[in-house]
Amino acid sequence: MNPEELKRWLNEELDFWEDHDNLIEVMSDWLKIRTEKGEILKLIPNVAQIKLLKIIIPLLKEKKLIRLIILKARQQGISTLIQAIFFIILFVGSNLRALTMGHETASSNNLFNIYSTYYNELPKILQPTLEFSNEKKKKYLASTSENKIETAGKGEVGRSDTLQLLHLTEVAFYPDAKKTLGALLQAAKYAMMIVIESTANGIGDEFYNMYKTAKKGDSDYIAVFLSWLDFPNYTKEFRNTAEKERLLSDLGSHPMFNEYDDEEQLLIDEYNATYEQLLLERERK
């Protein structure tokens, strides 16, 4: 490919990335993730991620402000997806500032590693030149767009920032969620996209209250519930009859696996949960 052909190809690719109709294809074709086994694989959206993309893509196309609050199950890849969307927006945009916050240092480091893998696994010809990169921030030289990674409770964050993208993960576990959200949501009041997401951490915390308010339609946020029951492959076979009998013996009553009486039975009756799904969920708790 000669220089003119290369320039034409890069411009065409950039145009393709900018079209929100192509978001899933761009992810699947160009972005890669590192699995728990250390494998580098293409980012192919799963069931929960597709459910979320069906909400986000129309809003992006209509240039509407995106405000999502997501109650999720564990290990659905929601943070992976939001970081992918941020990566694509920052890749094609200019002068954009994103902030991503985890609930603890290990979580924040993992978020940075997800974002860094997207960058590092791009073909060199597509990688924007970095002005700055460390364990807390990646900033592109030409566009000056950046994604900063922070940890909740680690000093004052966001007060002096003006943010266009904000991703807050596991908010129910923030040390002082109300104070942190107050500062960050002020810094992001005109942001094109704010995503607040978490697994549950009991009743009455700041995340819980925000989610319930959004669920009732009394806020600017869209409430999204992503259950582990949405995953058809979220299941584990019983090793033997005795293991199944143990589960059946305290189904709905074991305090470690039921936050309230008959929780597991309700999942069966109302949401068609299988014993095999409940077995896997028990092992993950």
C-alpha atoms as a PDB file:
ATOM      1  CA  MET A   1       0.000   0.000   0.000  1.00  0.00           C
ATOM      2  CA  ASN A   2       1.557   3.305  -1.105  1.00  0.00           C
ATOM      3  CA  PRO A   3       1.241   6.487   1.036  1.00  0.00           C
ATOM      4  CA  GLU A   4      -1.786   7.770  -0.875  1.00  0.00           C
ATOM      5  CA  GLU A   5      -3.596   4.454  -0.571  1.00  0.00           C
ATOM      6  CA  LEU A   6      -2.728   4.264   3.116  1.00  0.00           C
ATOM      7  CA  LYS A   7      -4.055   7.764   3.747  1.00  0.00           C
ATOM      8  CA  ARG A   8      -7.279   6.970   1.896  1.00  0.00           C
ATOM      9  CA  TRP A   9      -7.717   3.722   3.851  1.00  0.00           C
ATOM     10  CA  LEU A  10      -7.148   5.455   7.200  1.00  0.00           C
ATOM     11  CA  ASN A  11      -9.694   8.161   6.367  1.00  0.00           C
ATOM     12  CA  GLU A  12     -12.244   5.551   5.319  1.00  0.00           C
ATOM     13  CA  GLU A  13     -11.624   3.578   8.505  1.00  0.00           C
ATOM     14  CA  LEU A  14     -12.020   6.693  10.640  1.00  0.00           C
ATOM     15  CA  ASP A  15     -15.325   7.476   8.916  1.00  0.00           C
ATOM     16  CA  PHE A  16     -16.451   3.909   9.615  1.00  0.00           C
ATOM     17  CA  TRP A  17     -15.541   4.223  13.324  1.00  0.00           C
ATOM     18  CA  GLU A  18     -17.438   7.532  13.576  1.00  0.00           C
ATOM     19  CA  ASP A  19     -20.720   6.003  12.358  1.00  0.00           C
ATOM     20  CA  HIS A  20     -22.555   4.757  15.458  1.00  0.00           C
ATOM     21  CA  ASP A  21     -24.401   2.173  13.356  1.00  0.00           C
ATOM     22  CA  ASN A  22     -21.040   0.402  13.068  1.00  0.00           C
ATOM     23  CA  LEU A  23     -20.283   0.349  16.797  1.00  0.00           C
ATOM     24  CA  ILE A  24     -20.706  -3.397  17.287  1.00  0.00           C
ATOM     25  CA  GLU A  25     -18.771  -4.186  14.110  1.00  0.00           C
ATOM     26  CA  VAL A  26     -15.893  -1.897  15.127  1.00  0.00           C
ATOM     27  CA  MET A  27     -15.713  -3.603  18.519  1.00  0.00           C
ATOM     28  CA  SER A  28     -15.789  -7.078  17.044  1.00  0.00           C
ATOM     29  CA  ASP A  29     -13.287  -6.317  14.265  1.00  0.00           C
ATOM     30  CA  TRP A  30     -10.734  -4.174  16.083  1.00  0.00           C
ATOM     31  CA  LEU A  31     -10.984  -4.379  19.879  1.00  0.00           C
ATOM     32  CA  LYS A  32      -9.528  -7.250  21.863  1.00  0.00           C
ATOM     33  CA  ILE A  33      -9.769  -8.376  25.472  1.00  0.00           C
ATOM     34  CA  ARG A  34      -7.562 -10.430  27.744  1.00  0.00           C
ATOM     35  CA  THR A  35      -9.420 -13.369  29.292  1.00  0.00           C
ATOM     36  CA  GLU A  36      -8.934 -14.785  32.789  1.00  0.00           C
ATOM     37  CA  LYS A  37      -6.749 -17.464  31.169  1.00  0.00           C
ATOM     38  CA  GLY A  38      -4.523 -14.792  29.591  1.00  0.00           C
ATOM     39  CA  GLU A  39      -5.845 -15.326  26.060  1.00  0.00           C
ATOM     40  CA  ILE A  40      -6.220 -12.336  23.730  1.00  0.00           C
ATOM     41  CA  LEU A  41      -9.587 -12.599  21.986  1.00  0.00           C
ATOM     42  CA  LYS A  42     -11.849 -10.386  19.915  1.00  0.00           C
ATOM     43  CA  LEU A  43     -14.491  -8.443  21.840  1.00  0.00           C
ATOM     44  CA  ILE A  44     -17.688 -10.185  20.746  1.00  0.00           C
ATOM     45  CA  PRO A  45     -20.598  -8.696  22.741  1.00  0.00           C
ATOM     46  CA  ASN A  46     -22.483 -11.164  24.954  1.00  0.00           C
ATOM     47  CA  VAL A  47     -26.200 -11.204  25.776  1.00  0.00           C
ATOM     48  CA  ALA A  48     -26.015  -8.588  28.550  1.00  0.00           C
ATOM     49  CA  GLN A  49     -23.740  -6.316  26.510  1.00  0.00           C
ATOM     50  CA  ILE A  50     -26.069  -6.500  23.496  1.00  0.00           C
ATOM     51  CA  LYS A  51     -29.013  -5.587  25.726  1.00  0.00           C
ATOM     52  CA  LEU A  52     -27.142  -2.469  26.829  1.00  0.00           C
ATOM     53  CA  LEU A  53     -25.968  -1.594  23.312  1.00  0.00           C
ATOM     54  CA  LYS A  54     -29.593  -1.612  22.138  1.00  0.00           C
ATOM     55  CA  ILE A  55     -30.170   1.257  24.566  1.00  0.00           C
ATOM     56  CA  ILE A  56     -26.943   3.168  23.947  1.00  0.00           C
ATOM     57  CA  ILE A  57     -26.608   3.082  20.150  1.00  0.00           C
ATOM     58  CA  PRO A  58     -29.944   4.838  19.364  1.00  0.00           C
ATOM     59  CA  LEU A  59     -29.095   7.559  21.907  1.00  0.00           C
ATOM     60  CA  LEU A  60     -25.669   8.075  20.323  1.00  0.00           C
ATOM     61  CA  LYS A  61     -27.226   8.295  16.859  1.00  0.00           C
ATOM     62  CA  GLU A  62     -29.757  10.863  18.052  1.00  0.00           C
ATOM     63  CA  LYS A  63     -26.997  12.830  19.839  1.00  0.00           C
ATOM     64  CA  LYS A  64     -28.945  12.670  23.092  1.00  0.00           C
ATOM     65  CA  LEU A  65     -27.276  12.905  26.481  1.00  0.00           C
ATOM     66  CA  ILE A  66     -26.826   9.395  27.856  1.00  0.00           C
ATOM     67  CA  ARG A  67     -27.584   8.847  31.533  1.00  0.00           C
ATOM     68  CA  LEU A  68     -27.626   5.210  32.642  1.00  0.00           C
ATOM     69  CA  ILE A  69     -27.733   3.592  36.057  1.00  0.00           C
ATOM     70  CA  ILE A  70     -27.204  -0.152  35.847  1.00  0.00           C
ATOM     71  CA  LEU A  71     -27.886  -2.809  38.465  1.00  0.00           C
ATOM     72  CA  LYS A  72     -25.917  -5.799  37.275  1.00  0.00           C
ATOM     73  CA  ALA A  73     -24.887  -9.314  38.173  1.00  0.00           C
ATOM     74  CA  ARG A  74     -21.236 -10.238  38.512  1.00  0.00           C
ATOM     75  CA  GLN A  75     -18.966 -10.882  35.530  1.00  0.00           C
ATOM     76  CA  GLN A  76     -21.273  -9.738  32.742  1.00  0.00           C
ATOM     77  CA  GLY A  77     -18.600  -7.617  31.061  1.00  0.00           C
ATOM     78  CA  ILE A  78     -20.408  -4.298  31.550  1.00  0.00           C
ATOM     79  CA  SER A  79     -17.283  -2.348  32.508  1.00  0.00           C
ATOM     80  CA  THR A  80     -15.496  -3.967  29.555  1.00  0.00           C
ATOM     81  CA  LEU A  81     -18.252  -2.736  27.244  1.00  0.00           C
ATOM     82  CA  ILE A  82     -18.366   0.835  28.594  1.00  0.00           C
ATOM     83  CA  GLN A  83     -14.583   1.130  28.317  1.00  0.00           C
ATOM     84  CA  ALA A  84     -14.840  -0.088  24.705  1.00  0.00           C
ATOM     85  CA  ILE A  85     -17.406   2.603  23.906  1.00  0.00           C
ATOM     86  CA  PHE A  86     -15.221   5.238  25.578  1.00  0.00           C
ATOM     87  CA  PHE A  87     -12.215   3.992  23.627  1.00  0.00           C
ATOM     88  CA  ILE A  88     -14.034   4.362  20.300  1.00  0.00           C
ATOM     89  CA  ILE A  89     -15.447   7.810  21.136  1.00  0.00           C
ATOM     90  CA  LEU A  90     -12.039   9.077  22.283  1.00  0.00           C
ATOM     91  CA  PHE A  91     -10.371   7.510  19.240  1.00  0.00           C
ATOM     92  CA  VAL A  92     -12.475   9.528  16.781  1.00  0.00           C
ATOM     93  CA  GLY A  93     -13.102  12.635  18.935  1.00  0.00           C
ATOM     94  CA  SER A  94     -11.056  15.673  19.882  1.00  0.00           C
ATOM     95  CA  ASN A  95     -10.528  17.473  23.176  1.00  0.00           C
ATOM     96  CA  LEU A  96     -12.634  14.974  25.111  1.00  0.00           C
ATOM     97  CA  ARG A  97     -12.026  14.128  28.753  1.00  0.00           C
ATOM     98  CA  ALA A  98     -13.193  10.848  30.240  1.00  0.00           C
ATOM     99  CA  LEU A  99     -12.995   9.728  33.833  1.00  0.00           C
ATOM    100  CA  THR A 100     -13.376   6.125  34.971  1.00  0.00           C
ATOM    101  CA  MET A 101     -13.590   5.226  38.657  1.00  0.00           C
ATOM    102  CA  GLY A 102     -13.363   1.878  40.427  1.00  0.00           C
ATOM    103  CA  HIS A 103     -14.297   1.154  44.019  1.00  0.00           C
ATOM    104  CA  GLU A 104     -10.827  -0.024  45.036  1.00  0.00           C
ATOM    105  CA  THR A 105      -7.294   0.090  43.633  1.00  0.00           C
ATOM    106  CA  ALA A 106      -7.374  -3.421  42.162  1.00  0.00           C
ATOM    107  CA  SER A 107     -10.623  -2.626  40.364  1.00  0.00           C
ATOM    108  CA  SER A 108      -9.224   0.641  38.980  1.00  0.00           C
ATOM    109  CA  ASN A 109      -6.074  -1.125  37.782  1.00  0.00           C
ATOM    110  CA  ASN A 110      -8.216  -3.707  36.014  1.00  0.00           C
ATOM    111  CA  LEU A 111     -10.202  -0.971  34.260  1.00  0.00           C
ATOM    112  CA  PHE A 112      -6.987   0.645  33.058  1.00  0.00           C
ATOM    113  CA  ASN A 113      -5.716  -2.716  31.814  1.00  0.00           C
ATOM    114  CA  ILE A 114      -8.927  -3.257  29.835  1.00  0.00           C
ATOM    115  CA  TYR A 115      -8.566   0.140  28.152  1.00  0.00           C
ATOM    116  CA  SER A 116      -4.841  -0.357  27.578  1.00  0.00           C
ATOM    117  CA  THR A 117      -5.430  -3.730  25.933  1.00  0.00           C
ATOM    118  CA  TYR A 118      -7.747  -2.088  23.408  1.00  0.00           C
ATOM    119  CA  TYR A 119      -4.943   0.326  22.534  1.00  0.00           C
ATOM    120  CA  ASN A 120      -2.053  -2.127  22.624  1.00  0.00           C
ATOM    121  CA  GLU A 121      -3.806  -4.723  20.464  1.00  0.00           C
ATOM    122  CA  LEU A 122      -4.696  -2.281  17.687  1.00  0.00           C
ATOM    123  CA  PRO A 123      -2.505  -2.532  14.600  1.00  0.00           C
ATOM    124  CA  LYS A 124       0.350  -0.046  14.975  1.00  0.00           C
ATOM    125  CA  ILE A 125      -0.869   1.908  11.982  1.00  0.00           C
ATOM    126  CA  LEU A 126      -4.133   2.683  13.831  1.00  0.00           C
ATOM    127  CA  GLN A 127      -2.684   3.494  17.253  1.00  0.00           C
ATOM    128  CA  PRO A 128      -2.912   7.242  18.018  1.00  0.00           C
ATOM    129  CA  THR A 129       0.369   8.695  19.273  1.00  0.00           C
ATOM    130  CA  LEU A 130       0.299   9.001  23.044  1.00  0.00           C
ATOM    131  CA  GLU A 131       1.207  12.275  24.722  1.00  0.00           C
ATOM    132  CA  PHE A 132       0.958  10.683  28.151  1.00  0.00           C
ATOM    133  CA  SER A 133       0.448   7.200  29.566  1.00  0.00           C
ATOM    134  CA  ASN A 134       0.817   5.730  33.026  1.00  0.00           C
ATOM    135  CA  GLU A 135      -1.289   3.608  35.347  1.00  0.00           C
ATOM    136  CA  LYS A 136      -3.809   6.436  35.746  1.00  0.00           C
ATOM    137  CA  LYS A 137      -4.185   8.110  32.363  1.00  0.00           C
ATOM    138  CA  LYS A 138      -3.905   7.720  28.609  1.00  0.00           C
ATOM    139  CA  LYS A 139      -3.862  10.941  26.562  1.00  0.00           C
ATOM    140  CA  TYR A 140      -3.573  11.192  22.789  1.00  0.00           C
ATOM    141  CA  LEU A 141      -1.147  13.739  21.368  1.00  0.00           C
ATOM    142  CA  ALA A 142      -2.994  14.946  18.267  1.00  0.00           C
ATOM    143  CA  SER A 143      -6.576  15.000  19.553  1.00  0.00           C
ATOM    144  CA  THR A 144      -5.685  15.700  23.234  1.00  0.00           C
ATOM    145  CA  SER A 145      -8.510  13.334  24.249  1.00  0.00           C
ATOM    146  CA  GLU A 146      -7.849  11.397  27.428  1.00  0.00           C
ATOM    147  CA  ASN A 147      -9.200   8.726  29.764  1.00  0.00           C
ATOM    148  CA  LYS A 148      -8.228   9.115  33.410  1.00  0.00           C
ATOM    149  CA  ILE A 149      -8.606   6.237  35.893  1.00  0.00           C
ATOM    150  CA  GLU A 150      -9.278   6.980  39.554  1.00  0.00           C
ATOM    151  CA  THR A 151     -10.208   5.110  42.722  1.00  0.00           C
ATOM    152  CA  ALA A 152     -13.115   6.093  44.980  1.00  0.00           C
ATOM    153  CA  GLY A 153     -12.014   7.532  48.298  1.00  0.00           C
ATOM    154  CA  LYS A 154      -8.477   8.353  47.125  1.00  0.00           C
ATOM    155  CA  GLY A 155      -8.440  12.128  47.606  1.00  0.00           C
ATOM    156  CA  GLU A 156     -10.515  14.826  45.928  1.00  0.00           C
ATOM    157  CA  VAL A 157     -11.479  13.777  42.417  1.00  0.00           C
ATOM    158  CA  GLY A 158     -13.313  15.648  39.712  1.00  0.00           C
ATOM    159  CA  ARG A 159     -13.858  19.022  41.352  1.00  0.00           C
ATOM    160  CA  SER A 160     -11.675  20.930  38.886  1.00  0.00           C
ATOM    161  CA  ASP A 161     -12.499  18.751  35.880  1.00  0.00           C
ATOM    162  CA  THR A 162     -14.945  19.259  33.045  1.00  0.00           C
ATOM    163  CA  LEU A 163     -15.876  15.818  31.811  1.00  0.00           C
ATOM    164  CA  GLN A 164     -17.518  14.622  28.614  1.00  0.00           C
ATOM    165  CA  LEU A 165     -17.551  10.937  29.555  1.00  0.00           C
ATOM    166  CA  LEU A 166     -17.969   9.450  33.046  1.00  0.00           C
ATOM    167  CA  HIS A 167     -17.954   5.780  34.035  1.00  0.00           C
ATOM    168  CA  LEU A 168     -18.436   4.881  37.699  1.00  0.00           C
ATOM    169  CA  THR A 169     -18.318   1.194  38.504  1.00  0.00           C
ATOM    170  CA  GLU A 170     -19.304  -0.724  41.664  1.00  0.00           C
ATOM    171  CA  VAL A 171     -20.696   2.494  43.121  1.00  0.00           C
ATOM    172  CA  ALA A 172     -22.571   0.618  45.861  1.00  0.00           C
ATOM    173  CA  PHE A 173     -19.151  -0.160  47.362  1.00  0.00           C
ATOM    174  CA  TYR A 174     -17.704   3.389  47.296  1.00  0.00           C
ATOM    175  CA  PRO A 175     -16.500   4.552  50.759  1.00  0.00           C
ATOM    176  CA  ASP A 176     -18.560   7.776  50.553  1.00  0.00           C
ATOM    177  CA  ALA A 177     -20.703   7.455  47.448  1.00  0.00           C
ATOM    178  CA  LYS A 178     -22.851  10.514  48.115  1.00  0.00           C
ATOM    179  CA  LYS A 179     -19.863  12.870  48.415  1.00  0.00           C
ATOM    180  CA  THR A 180     -18.024  11.321  45.459  1.00  0.00           C
ATOM    181  CA  LEU A 181     -21.076  11.390  43.201  1.00  0.00           C
ATOM    182  CA  GLY A 182     -21.833  14.963  44.183  1.00  0.00           C
ATOM    183  CA  ALA A 183     -18.426  16.159  42.978  1.00  0.00           C
ATOM    184  CA  LEU A 184     -18.235  14.038  39.840  1.00  0.00           C
ATOM    185  CA  LEU A 185     -21.774  14.601  38.606  1.00  0.00           C
ATOM    186  CA  GLN A 186     -21.212  18.334  38.939  1.00  0.00           C
ATOM    187  CA  ALA A 187     -18.050  18.051  36.829  1.00  0.00           C
ATOM    188  CA  ALA A 188     -19.983  15.972  34.276  1.00  0.00           C
ATOM    189  CA  LYS A 189     -23.257  17.909  34.233  1.00  0.00           C
ATOM    190  CA  TYR A 190     -22.931  18.559  30.476  1.00  0.00           C
ATOM    191  CA  ALA A 191     -21.289  15.217  29.650  1.00  0.00           C
ATOM    192  CA  MET A 192     -22.434  13.335  26.593  1.00  0.00           C
ATOM    193  CA  MET A 193     -22.392  10.055  28.527  1.00  0.00           C
ATOM    194  CA  ILE A 194     -22.592   9.086  32.204  1.00  0.00           C
ATOM    195  CA  VAL A 195     -22.777   5.444  33.244  1.00  0.00           C
ATOM    196  CA  ILE A 196     -23.210   4.514  36.906  1.00  0.00           C
ATOM    197  CA  GLU A 197     -23.173   0.772  37.488  1.00  0.00           C
ATOM    198  CA  SER A 198     -22.830  -1.694  40.317  1.00  0.00           C
ATOM    199  CA  THR A 199     -23.698  -5.055  41.726  1.00  0.00           C
ATOM    200  CA  ALA A 200     -26.039  -4.837  44.706  1.00  0.00           C
ATOM    201  CA  ASN A 201     -24.755  -4.121  48.205  1.00  0.00           C
ATOM    202  CA  GLY A 202     -27.876  -4.226  50.337  1.00  0.00           C
ATOM    203  CA  ILE A 203     -30.700  -1.720  50.688  1.00  0.00           C
ATOM    204  CA  GLY A 204     -30.575   1.999  51.420  1.00  0.00           C
ATOM    205  CA  ASP A 205     -27.161   3.049  50.066  1.00  0.00           C
ATOM    206  CA  GLU A 206     -26.715   5.912  47.592  1.00  0.00           C
ATOM    207  CA  PHE A 207     -26.613   3.651  44.552  1.00  0.00           C
ATOM    208  CA  TYR A 208     -29.734   1.789  45.669  1.00  0.00           C
ATOM    209  CA  ASN A 209     -31.625   5.054  46.152  1.00  0.00           C
ATOM    210  CA  MET A 210     -30.532   6.450  42.785  1.00  0.00           C
ATOM    211  CA  TYR A 211     -31.507   3.235  41.024  1.00  0.00           C
ATOM    212  CA  LYS A 212     -34.946   3.097  42.672  1.00  0.00           C
ATOM    213  CA  THR A 213     -35.577   6.748  41.797  1.00  0.00           C
ATOM    214  CA  ALA A 214     -34.642   6.115  38.153  1.00  0.00           C
ATOM    215  CA  LYS A 215     -36.745   2.934  38.094  1.00  0.00           C
ATOM    216  CA  LYS A 216     -39.789   5.003  39.089  1.00  0.00           C
ATOM    217  CA  GLY A 217     -39.031   7.468  36.280  1.00  0.00           C
ATOM    218  CA  ASP A 218     -38.240  10.323  38.643  1.00  0.00           C
ATOM    219  CA  SER A 219     -34.755  11.178  37.347  1.00  0.00           C
ATOM    220  CA  ASP A 220     -32.862  11.792  34.109  1.00  0.00           C
ATOM    221  CA  TYR A 221     -31.303   8.341  34.341  1.00  0.00           C
ATOM    222  CA  ILE A 222     -32.473   5.209  32.566  1.00  0.00           C
ATOM    223  CA  ALA A 223     -32.543   2.318  35.027  1.00  0.00           C
ATOM    224  CA  VAL A 224     -31.219  -0.942  33.551  1.00  0.00           C
ATOM    225  CA  PHE A 225     -31.349  -4.293  35.320  1.00  0.00           C
ATOM    226  CA  LEU A 226     -29.007  -6.983  34.019  1.00  0.00           C
ATOM    227  CA  SER A 227     -29.663 -10.319  35.693  1.00  0.00           C
ATOM    228  CA  TRP A 228     -27.425 -13.370  35.636  1.00  0.00           C
ATOM    229  CA  LEU A 229     -30.572 -15.144  34.451  1.00  0.00           C
ATOM    230  CA  ASP A 230     -30.130 -13.314  31.132  1.00  0.00           C
ATOM    231  CA  PHE A 231     -27.167 -15.593  30.405  1.00  0.00           C
ATOM    232  CA  PRO A 232     -28.269 -18.874  28.779  1.00  0.00           C
ATOM    233  CA  ASN A 233     -24.858 -20.406  29.515  1.00  0.00           C
ATOM    234  CA  TYR A 234     -24.844 -19.326  33.165  1.00  0.00           C
ATOM    235  CA  THR A 235     -25.218 -22.873  34.429  1.00  0.00           C
ATOM    236  CA  LYS A 236     -23.262 -25.662  36.081  1.00  0.00           C
ATOM    237  CA  GLU A 237     -24.039 -29.360  35.986  1.00  0.00           C
ATOM    238  CA  PHE A 238     -24.324 -31.238  39.255  1.00  0.00           C
ATOM    239  CA  ARG A 239     -21.394 -33.539  39.858  1.00  0.00           C
ATOM    240  CA  ASN A 240     -23.624 -36.190  41.400  1.00  0.00           C
ATOM    241  CA  THR A 241     -27.058 -36.821  42.914  1.00  0.00           C
ATOM    242  CA  ALA A 242     -25.861 -35.994  46.427  1.00  0.00           C
ATOM    243  CA  GLU A 243     -24.836 -32.475  45.368  1.00  0.00           C
ATOM    244  CA  LYS A 244     -28.281 -31.827  43.912  1.00  0.00           C
ATOM    245  CA  GLU A 245     -29.967 -33.188  47.028  1.00  0.00           C
ATOM    246  CA  ARG A 246     -27.900 -30.820  49.198  1.00  0.00           C
ATOM    247  CA  LEU A 247     -29.115 -27.840  47.186  1.00  0.00           C
ATOM    248  CA  LEU A 248     -32.720 -29.007  47.332  1.00  0.00           C
ATOM    249  CA  SER A 249     -32.517 -29.574  51.086  1.00  0.00           C
ATOM    250  CA  ASP A 250     -31.995 -25.884  51.874  1.00  0.00           C
ATOM    251  CA  LEU A 251     -33.385 -24.287  48.718  1.00  0.00           C
ATOM    252  CA  GLY A 252     -34.625 -20.815  49.602  1.00  0.00           C
ATOM    253  CA  SER A 253     -33.601 -21.085  53.243  1.00  0.00           C
ATOM    254  CA  HIS A 254     -29.789 -21.119  53.379  1.00  0.00           C
ATOM    255  CA  PRO A 255     -28.833 -17.650  54.744  1.00  0.00           C
ATOM    256  CA  MET A 256     -25.640 -17.491  52.688  1.00  0.00           C
ATOM    257  CA  PHE A 257     -27.555 -17.764  49.411  1.00  0.00           C
ATOM    258  CA  ASN A 258     -30.863 -16.061  50.287  1.00  0.00           C
ATOM    259  CA  GLU A 259     -30.952 -12.422  51.359  1.00  0.00           C
ATOM    260  CA  TYR A 260     -34.642 -12.936  52.195  1.00  0.00           C
ATOM    261  CA  ASP A 261     -36.845 -15.984  52.750  1.00  0.00           C
ATOM    262  CA  ASP A 262     -37.412 -18.121  49.654  1.00  0.00           C
ATOM    263  CA  GLU A 263     -35.311 -15.881  47.373  1.00  0.00           C
ATOM    264  CA  GLU A 264     -34.132 -18.864  45.337  1.00  0.00           C
ATOM    265  CA  GLN A 265     -37.669 -20.255  45.081  1.00  0.00           C
ATOM    266  CA  LEU A 266     -38.863 -16.875  43.816  1.00  0.00           C
ATOM    267  CA  LEU A 267     -36.176 -16.970  41.102  1.00  0.00           C
ATOM    268  CA  ILE A 268     -37.528 -20.342  40.009  1.00  0.00           C
ATOM    269  CA  ASP A 269     -41.211 -19.362  40.143  1.00  0.00           C
ATOM    270  CA  GLU A 270     -40.968 -15.864  38.656  1.00  0.00           C
ATOM    271  CA  TYR A 271     -37.872 -15.984  36.432  1.00  0.00           C
ATOM    272  CA  ASN A 272     -37.631 -19.662  35.430  1.00  0.00           C
ATOM    273  CA  ALA A 273     -34.250 -20.158  37.070  1.00  0.00           C
ATOM    274  CA  THR A 274     -32.983 -23.723  36.883  1.00  0.00           C
ATOM    275  CA  TYR A 275     -31.329 -25.690  39.668  1.00  0.00           C
ATOM    276  CA  GLU A 276     -28.152 -25.687  37.568  1.00  0.00           C
ATOM    277  CA  GLN A 277     -28.178 -21.880  37.397  1.00  0.00           C
ATOM    278  CA  LEU A 278     -28.716 -21.649  41.153  1.00  0.00           C
ATOM    279  CA  LEU A 279     -25.826 -24.047  41.720  1.00  0.00           C
ATOM    280  CA  LEU A 280     -23.431 -21.819  39.765  1.00  0.00           C
ATOM    281  CA  GLU A 281     -24.732 -18.695  41.483  1.00  0.00           C
ATOM    282  CA  ARG A 282     -24.140 -20.315  44.876  1.00  0.00           C
ATOM    283  CA  GLU A 283     -20.566 -21.145  43.923  1.00  0.00           C
ATOM    284  CA  ARG A 284     -19.915 -17.536  42.867  1.00  0.00           C
ATOM    285  CA  LYS A 285     -21.155 -16.039  46.138  1.00  0.00           C
END
